[in-house]
Amino acid sequence: MKYLLIYLLIINVLAFLVMGADKRRARNQAWRIPEKTLFFLSIIGGSPGSILGMYLFRHKTRHWYFVVGMPLILVAQIVLAILVYYVTHR
């Protein structure tokens, strides 16, 4: 459990920082981080960090697939965590 929490902390900080880096690159018209990378970080556990970064940096908030997709990923992860908990604690 300790390692899971450490992993989630690291992946969320990374997702948050990557969202900020992509916003900075967008402002500077530099090479951008692919959207599939942003979604991948969210899917592997960084959805809270991605959502926080999205709104704090005001990045990707005009794209419906981010505004809807990121929270849906978070909800799916919460549901999956609840299911895993109940299946393993019977």
N, C-alpha and C. Protein backbone atom coordinates (compact mmCIF):
# COMPACT_ATOMS: atom_id res chain seq x y z
N MET A 1 0.83 -1.19 0.00
CA MET A 1 0.00 0.00 0.00
C MET A 1 0.87 1.26 0.00
N LYS A 2 1.97 1.20 0.75
CA LYS A 2 2.88 2.34 0.83
C LYS A 2 3.45 2.66 -0.55
N TYR A 3 3.83 1.63 -1.31
CA TYR A 3 4.40 1.84 -2.63
C TYR A 3 3.37 2.39 -3.62
N LEU A 4 2.14 1.98 -3.47
CA LEU A 4 1.07 2.50 -4.32
C LEU A 4 0.88 4.00 -4.08
N LEU A 5 0.87 4.40 -2.82
CA LEU A 5 0.71 5.82 -2.50
C LEU A 5 1.89 6.66 -3.01
N ILE A 6 3.09 6.12 -2.90
CA ILE A 6 4.27 6.82 -3.42
C ILE A 6 4.16 6.95 -4.94
N TYR A 7 3.76 5.86 -5.60
CA TYR A 7 3.59 5.89 -7.05
C TYR A 7 2.56 6.94 -7.45
N LEU A 8 1.42 6.95 -6.78
CA LEU A 8 0.36 7.90 -7.13
C LEU A 8 0.81 9.35 -6.90
N LEU A 9 1.56 9.58 -5.85
CA LEU A 9 2.08 10.92 -5.60
C LEU A 9 3.01 11.34 -6.74
N ILE A 10 3.93 10.46 -7.11
CA ILE A 10 4.89 10.78 -8.17
C ILE A 10 4.20 11.00 -9.51
N ILE A 11 3.28 10.13 -9.88
CA ILE A 11 2.63 10.24 -11.19
C ILE A 11 1.74 11.48 -11.26
N ASN A 12 1.13 11.86 -10.14
CA ASN A 12 0.29 13.06 -10.14
C ASN A 12 1.12 14.33 -10.20
N VAL A 13 2.24 14.37 -9.51
CA VAL A 13 3.13 15.52 -9.62
C VAL A 13 3.66 15.62 -11.04
N LEU A 14 4.04 14.49 -11.63
CA LEU A 14 4.53 14.48 -13.01
C LEU A 14 3.46 14.96 -13.98
N ALA A 15 2.23 14.46 -13.85
CA ALA A 15 1.15 14.87 -14.74
C ALA A 15 0.88 16.37 -14.61
N PHE A 16 0.91 16.88 -13.40
CA PHE A 16 0.71 18.31 -13.15
C PHE A 16 1.81 19.12 -13.83
N LEU A 17 3.06 18.71 -13.64
CA LEU A 17 4.18 19.43 -14.23
C LEU A 17 4.18 19.37 -15.75
N VAL A 18 3.81 18.23 -16.30
CA VAL A 18 3.76 18.09 -17.76
C VAL A 18 2.68 18.99 -18.34
N MET A 19 1.55 19.09 -17.67
CA MET A 19 0.49 19.98 -18.13
C MET A 19 0.99 21.43 -18.13
N GLY A 20 1.70 21.82 -17.08
CA GLY A 20 2.27 23.17 -17.02
C GLY A 20 3.32 23.40 -18.10
N ALA A 21 4.16 22.40 -18.33
CA ALA A 21 5.20 22.52 -19.35
C ALA A 21 4.58 22.67 -20.74
N ASP A 22 3.51 21.92 -21.00
CA ASP A 22 2.87 22.03 -22.31
C ASP A 22 2.22 23.40 -22.49
N LYS A 23 1.66 23.95 -21.44
CA LYS A 23 1.08 25.29 -21.52
C LYS A 23 2.18 26.32 -21.81
N ARG A 24 3.31 26.18 -21.14
CA ARG A 24 4.43 27.09 -21.38
C ARG A 24 4.91 26.98 -22.82
N ARG A 25 5.00 25.76 -23.32
CA ARG A 25 5.42 25.55 -24.70
C ARG A 25 4.41 26.13 -25.68
N ALA A 26 3.13 26.04 -25.35
CA ALA A 26 2.10 26.60 -26.22
C ALA A 26 2.25 28.12 -26.31
N ARG A 27 2.51 28.75 -25.18
CA ARG A 27 2.70 30.21 -25.18
C ARG A 27 3.93 30.62 -25.99
N ASN A 28 4.97 29.81 -25.93
CA ASN A 28 6.22 30.13 -26.61
C ASN A 28 6.27 29.59 -28.04
N GLN A 29 5.18 29.01 -28.49
CA GLN A 29 5.10 28.40 -29.82
C GLN A 29 6.23 27.41 -30.07
N ALA A 30 6.51 26.62 -29.06
CA ALA A 30 7.57 25.60 -29.13
C ALA A 30 6.95 24.23 -29.39
N TRP A 31 7.82 23.23 -29.51
CA TRP A 31 7.37 21.86 -29.70
C TRP A 31 6.48 21.46 -28.55
N ARG A 32 5.33 20.86 -28.86
CA ARG A 32 4.31 20.55 -27.86
C ARG A 32 4.37 19.09 -27.43
N ILE A 33 3.87 18.85 -26.25
CA ILE A 33 3.73 17.50 -25.73
C ILE A 33 2.47 16.92 -26.36
N PRO A 34 2.55 15.73 -26.95
CA PRO A 34 1.36 15.15 -27.60
C PRO A 34 0.20 14.96 -26.62
N GLU A 35 -1.02 15.17 -27.12
CA GLU A 35 -2.20 14.99 -26.28
C GLU A 35 -2.31 13.56 -25.77
N LYS A 36 -1.87 12.60 -26.58
CA LYS A 36 -1.93 11.21 -26.12
C LYS A 36 -1.04 10.99 -24.90
N THR A 37 0.05 11.74 -24.78
CA THR A 37 0.90 11.65 -23.60
C THR A 37 0.18 12.20 -22.38
N LEU A 38 -0.52 13.32 -22.56
CA LEU A 38 -1.27 13.91 -21.45
C LEU A 38 -2.36 12.94 -20.96
N PHE A 39 -3.06 12.31 -21.90
CA PHE A 39 -4.08 11.33 -21.52
C PHE A 39 -3.45 10.08 -20.90
N PHE A 40 -2.31 9.65 -21.42
CA PHE A 40 -1.64 8.47 -20.87
C PHE A 40 -1.28 8.68 -19.42
N LEU A 41 -0.70 9.83 -19.11
CA LEU A 41 -0.35 10.13 -17.71
C LEU A 41 -1.59 10.11 -16.81
N SER A 42 -2.70 10.58 -17.35
CA SER A 42 -3.95 10.56 -16.59
C SER A 42 -4.43 9.12 -16.37
N ILE A 43 -4.38 8.32 -17.41
CA ILE A 43 -4.88 6.94 -17.35
C ILE A 43 -4.05 6.09 -16.38
N ILE A 44 -2.76 6.33 -16.31
CA ILE A 44 -1.92 5.49 -15.43
C ILE A 44 -1.91 5.99 -13.98
N GLY A 45 -2.84 6.87 -13.66
CA GLY A 45 -3.01 7.26 -12.26
C GLY A 45 -2.85 8.74 -11.98
N GLY A 46 -2.52 9.53 -13.00
CA GLY A 46 -2.28 10.94 -12.77
C GLY A 46 -3.46 11.85 -13.05
N SER A 47 -4.66 11.31 -13.02
CA SER A 47 -5.82 12.14 -13.36
C SER A 47 -6.04 13.31 -12.41
N PRO A 48 -5.89 13.16 -11.09
CA PRO A 48 -6.04 14.35 -10.24
C PRO A 48 -5.02 15.44 -10.57
N GLY A 49 -3.77 15.06 -10.79
CA GLY A 49 -2.73 16.02 -11.14
C GLY A 49 -2.99 16.67 -12.48
N SER A 50 -3.49 15.89 -13.44
CA SER A 50 -3.81 16.43 -14.77
C SER A 50 -4.95 17.44 -14.69
N ILE A 51 -5.98 17.09 -13.94
CA ILE A 51 -7.13 18.00 -13.80
C ILE A 51 -6.72 19.27 -13.08
N LEU A 52 -5.96 19.13 -12.01
CA LEU A 52 -5.49 20.32 -11.29
C LEU A 52 -4.64 21.20 -12.20
N GLY A 53 -3.73 20.60 -12.94
CA GLY A 53 -2.89 21.36 -13.87
C GLY A 53 -3.69 22.00 -14.98
N MET A 54 -4.69 21.29 -15.45
CA MET A 54 -5.53 21.81 -16.53
C MET A 54 -6.18 23.12 -16.12
N TYR A 55 -6.74 23.15 -14.94
CA TYR A 55 -7.46 24.34 -14.51
C TYR A 55 -6.55 25.41 -13.90
N LEU A 56 -5.50 24.99 -13.22
CA LEU A 56 -4.58 25.98 -12.65
C LEU A 56 -3.82 26.74 -13.75
N PHE A 57 -3.39 26.00 -14.77
CA PHE A 57 -2.67 26.63 -15.88
C PHE A 57 -3.59 27.10 -17.00
N ARG A 58 -4.88 26.85 -16.85
CA ARG A 58 -5.88 27.15 -17.89
C ARG A 58 -5.44 26.58 -19.24
N HIS A 59 -5.17 25.29 -19.20
CA HIS A 59 -4.65 24.61 -20.38
C HIS A 59 -5.58 23.48 -20.78
N LYS A 60 -5.93 23.45 -22.04
CA LYS A 60 -6.81 22.43 -22.63
C LYS A 60 -8.26 22.54 -22.12
N THR A 61 -8.61 23.66 -21.50
CA THR A 61 -9.96 23.79 -20.97
C THR A 61 -10.99 24.15 -22.04
N ARG A 62 -10.53 24.43 -23.24
CA ARG A 62 -11.46 24.68 -24.35
C ARG A 62 -11.70 23.44 -25.20
N HIS A 63 -10.98 22.39 -24.90
CA HIS A 63 -11.13 21.15 -25.65
C HIS A 63 -12.09 20.24 -24.89
N TRP A 64 -13.25 19.95 -25.48
CA TRP A 64 -14.27 19.17 -24.78
C TRP A 64 -13.76 17.81 -24.36
N TYR A 65 -12.88 17.21 -25.17
CA TYR A 65 -12.42 15.87 -24.85
C TYR A 65 -11.49 15.87 -23.63
N PHE A 66 -10.91 17.00 -23.28
CA PHE A 66 -10.15 17.10 -22.04
C PHE A 66 -11.08 17.44 -20.88
N VAL A 67 -11.99 18.37 -21.09
CA VAL A 67 -12.91 18.80 -20.03
C VAL A 67 -13.80 17.64 -19.60
N VAL A 68 -14.19 16.79 -20.53
CA VAL A 68 -15.03 15.63 -20.21
C VAL A 68 -14.18 14.40 -19.92
N GLY A 69 -13.14 14.20 -20.71
CA GLY A 69 -12.33 12.98 -20.62
C GLY A 69 -11.56 12.82 -19.33
N MET A 70 -10.91 13.88 -18.89
CA MET A 70 -10.10 13.77 -17.66
C MET A 70 -10.96 13.42 -16.44
N PRO A 71 -12.08 14.11 -16.21
CA PRO A 71 -12.92 13.70 -15.07
C PRO A 71 -13.50 12.29 -15.23
N LEU A 72 -13.81 11.89 -16.46
CA LEU A 72 -14.32 10.53 -16.67
C LEU A 72 -13.26 9.49 -16.31
N ILE A 73 -12.02 9.77 -16.67
CA ILE A 73 -10.94 8.86 -16.30
C ILE A 73 -10.84 8.76 -14.79
N LEU A 74 -10.93 9.89 -14.10
CA LEU A 74 -10.86 9.90 -12.63
C LEU A 74 -12.02 9.10 -12.03
N VAL A 75 -13.21 9.30 -12.53
CA VAL A 75 -14.38 8.55 -12.03
C VAL A 75 -14.19 7.05 -12.27
N ALA A 76 -13.72 6.69 -13.45
CA ALA A 76 -13.48 5.26 -13.75
C ALA A 76 -12.43 4.68 -12.80
N GLN A 77 -11.39 5.45 -12.49
CA GLN A 77 -10.36 4.97 -11.57
C GLN A 77 -10.91 4.80 -10.16
N ILE A 78 -11.76 5.70 -9.73
CA ILE A 78 -12.36 5.60 -8.40
C ILE A 78 -13.26 4.37 -8.33
N VAL A 79 -14.08 4.17 -9.35
CA VAL A 79 -14.96 3.00 -9.39
C VAL A 79 -14.14 1.71 -9.39
N LEU A 80 -13.07 1.69 -10.19
CA LEU A 80 -12.20 0.51 -10.24
C LEU A 80 -11.55 0.26 -8.88
N ALA A 81 -11.10 1.30 -8.22
CA ALA A 81 -10.47 1.14 -6.90
C ALA A 81 -11.47 0.59 -5.89
N ILE A 82 -12.70 1.06 -5.93
CA ILE A 82 -13.75 0.57 -5.02
C ILE A 82 -14.03 -0.90 -5.30
N LEU A 83 -14.14 -1.25 -6.58
CA LEU A 83 -14.39 -2.65 -6.94
C LEU A 83 -13.25 -3.56 -6.48
N VAL A 84 -12.03 -3.15 -6.71
CA VAL A 84 -10.87 -3.94 -6.29
C VAL A 84 -10.87 -4.08 -4.78
N TYR A 85 -11.17 -3.01 -4.06
CA TYR A 85 -11.21 -3.08 -2.60
C TYR A 85 -12.24 -4.10 -2.12
N TYR A 86 -13.45 -4.04 -2.68
CA TYR A 86 -14.50 -4.95 -2.23
C TYR A 86 -14.23 -6.40 -2.63
N VAL A 87 -13.62 -6.60 -3.77
CA VAL A 87 -13.30 -7.97 -4.20
C VAL A 87 -12.19 -8.56 -3.34
N THR A 88 -11.22 -7.75 -2.96
CA THR A 88 -10.09 -8.26 -2.18
C THR A 88 -10.36 -8.31 -0.68
N HIS A 89 -11.40 -7.67 -0.23
CA HIS A 89 -11.72 -7.65 1.21
C HIS A 89 -13.04 -8.37 1.52
N ARG A 90 -13.27 -9.45 0.86
CA ARG A 90 -14.49 -10.24 1.11
C ARG A 90 -14.27 -11.20 2.22
